[in-house]
Amino acid sequence: MSDCIFCKIADKEIPSTTVYEDDKILVFRDASPQAPEHVLMIPKKHIDSLDEAKPEDSELFSHMVLKVKDIAAELGLENGYRVVINTGEDGQQSVKHLHFHILGKRKMTWPPG
C-alpha cells in the first residue's frame, strides 16, 4: 500500500533501526518505546490487521510467532517479555498494518490498560 507507513519502512523509503530482517518480516525499534526494549515486528506483506488474516497467511503467522523467541533472546529478555497485537479502534491499533509489539526489560503490569 503506497500510503502505509510500515510498508514504506519495509521498503526502506522511511528509515528505521532494524533489529532483524528476512524475506518475510522486518523487526525494528519502536519510535515511542513503552518499555526499555520495545520493537515492532511487521510482515512485509501488507495485512491491515489480525481481523484481515486469511488461511493462506498461516505460514507467515507461524514464522512470525516462532521468530518472537529468537528476537527476545537477541534483545536479552531472559526474564520474560510481552507480545501485543492491537486490533481495531478499541484495541488502539494506530497503524493499519498488522504488527507485533515485543516489550521487555521491565516488569509488566496487569491489567494492561
Protein backbone atom coordinates (compact mmCIF):
# COMPACT_ATOMS: atom_id res chain seq x y z
CA MET A 1 0.00 0.00 0.00
CA SER A 2 1.51 3.28 -1.09
CA ASP A 3 0.28 5.32 1.90
CA CYS A 4 1.13 2.78 4.63
CA ILE A 5 3.98 3.95 6.88
CA PHE A 6 5.00 0.37 7.77
CA CYS A 7 5.08 -0.62 4.08
CA LYS A 8 7.35 2.39 3.49
CA ILE A 9 9.60 1.28 6.37
CA ALA A 10 9.71 -2.27 4.97
CA ASP A 11 10.58 -0.86 1.52
CA LYS A 12 13.34 1.32 3.08
CA GLU A 13 11.60 4.54 1.98
CA ILE A 14 11.49 5.61 5.64
CA PRO A 15 14.49 4.87 7.86
CA SER A 16 14.21 2.70 10.96
CA THR A 17 16.56 0.98 13.35
CA THR A 18 16.42 -2.61 12.16
CA VAL A 19 16.82 -5.39 14.72
CA TYR A 20 16.10 -8.31 12.36
CA GLU A 21 15.05 -8.81 8.77
CA ASP A 22 14.40 -11.69 6.43
CA ASP A 23 12.35 -12.17 3.27
CA LYS A 24 9.04 -12.28 5.21
CA ILE A 25 9.35 -9.90 8.16
CA LEU A 26 11.07 -6.80 9.49
CA VAL A 27 11.71 -6.08 13.17
CA PHE A 28 12.63 -2.53 14.16
CA ARG A 29 12.75 -0.32 17.22
CA ASP A 30 9.53 1.50 18.14
CA ALA A 31 9.78 5.28 17.74
CA SER A 32 7.83 5.76 21.01
CA PRO A 33 9.02 2.94 23.26
CA GLN A 34 6.80 1.90 26.14
CA ALA A 35 9.49 -0.27 27.77
CA PRO A 36 13.30 -0.27 27.85
CA GLU A 37 13.14 -2.77 24.97
CA HIS A 38 10.28 -2.19 22.54
CA VAL A 39 10.41 -3.43 18.97
CA LEU A 40 7.80 -3.91 16.28
CA MET A 41 7.60 -7.00 14.09
CA ILE A 42 5.78 -6.49 10.80
CA PRO A 43 5.10 -8.78 7.87
CA LYS A 44 6.47 -7.39 4.62
CA LYS A 45 3.16 -8.42 3.06
CA HIS A 46 0.56 -5.77 3.84
CA ILE A 47 -2.19 -7.12 6.07
CA ASP A 48 -4.37 -4.42 7.66
CA SER A 49 -4.96 -6.19 10.98
CA LEU A 50 -5.39 -9.54 12.66
CA ASP A 51 -9.02 -9.41 11.52
CA GLU A 52 -7.83 -9.44 7.90
CA ALA A 53 -5.66 -12.58 8.22
CA LYS A 54 -6.52 -15.33 5.76
CA PRO A 55 -5.86 -19.09 5.87
CA GLU A 56 -3.19 -18.62 3.21
CA ASP A 57 -1.30 -16.41 5.71
CA SER A 58 -0.84 -19.30 8.16
CA GLU A 59 2.79 -19.96 7.15
CA LEU A 60 3.63 -16.27 7.59
CA PHE A 61 1.95 -16.15 11.01
CA SER A 62 3.74 -19.30 12.11
CA HIS A 63 7.05 -17.77 11.03
CA MET A 64 6.30 -14.58 12.95
CA VAL A 65 5.24 -16.31 16.16
CA LEU A 66 8.20 -18.69 16.13
CA LYS A 67 10.63 -15.84 15.43
CA VAL A 68 9.49 -13.90 18.54
CA LYS A 69 11.55 -16.09 20.88
CA ASP A 70 14.67 -15.55 18.76
CA ILE A 71 14.18 -11.78 18.82
CA ALA A 72 13.54 -11.86 22.57
CA ALA A 73 16.77 -13.81 23.09
CA GLU A 74 18.70 -11.37 20.88
CA LEU A 75 17.35 -8.47 22.95
CA GLY A 76 18.35 -10.19 26.21
CA LEU A 77 14.81 -10.59 27.51
CA GLU A 78 15.71 -13.58 29.67
CA ASN A 79 13.30 -12.60 32.48
CA GLY A 80 10.30 -12.53 30.14
CA TYR A 81 8.58 -10.24 27.72
CA ARG A 82 5.15 -9.29 26.41
CA VAL A 83 3.86 -9.61 22.85
CA VAL A 84 0.91 -7.38 21.93
CA ILE A 85 -1.20 -7.22 18.79
CA ASN A 86 -3.54 -4.23 18.82
CA THR A 87 -6.54 -4.71 16.53
CA GLY A 88 -9.11 -2.11 15.55
CA GLU A 89 -10.11 1.20 17.06
CA ASP A 90 -10.98 -0.10 20.54
CA GLY A 91 -7.78 -2.14 20.53
CA GLN A 92 -5.82 1.09 19.93
CA GLN A 93 -4.38 -0.02 16.57
CA SER A 94 -2.81 3.21 15.35
CA VAL A 95 -1.21 1.91 12.13
CA LYS A 96 -3.37 -0.16 9.82
CA HIS A 97 -0.66 -2.73 9.11
CA LEU A 98 -0.51 -5.84 11.27
CA HIS A 99 2.32 -5.63 13.78
CA PHE A 100 3.50 -7.35 16.94
CA HIS A 101 4.86 -5.24 19.79
CA ILE A 102 7.61 -7.07 21.68
CA LEU A 103 8.27 -5.36 25.02
CA GLY A 104 10.66 -6.20 27.82
CA LYS A 105 13.37 -5.26 30.31
CA ARG A 106 10.79 -4.16 32.88
CA LYS A 107 8.06 -5.77 34.96
CA MET A 108 4.79 -5.72 33.01
CA THR A 109 1.61 -4.88 34.89
CA TRP A 110 -1.87 -6.37 34.59
CA PRO A 111 -4.39 -5.36 33.52
CA PRO A 112 -2.50 -3.67 30.70
CA GLY A 113 -4.79 -0.67 30.31
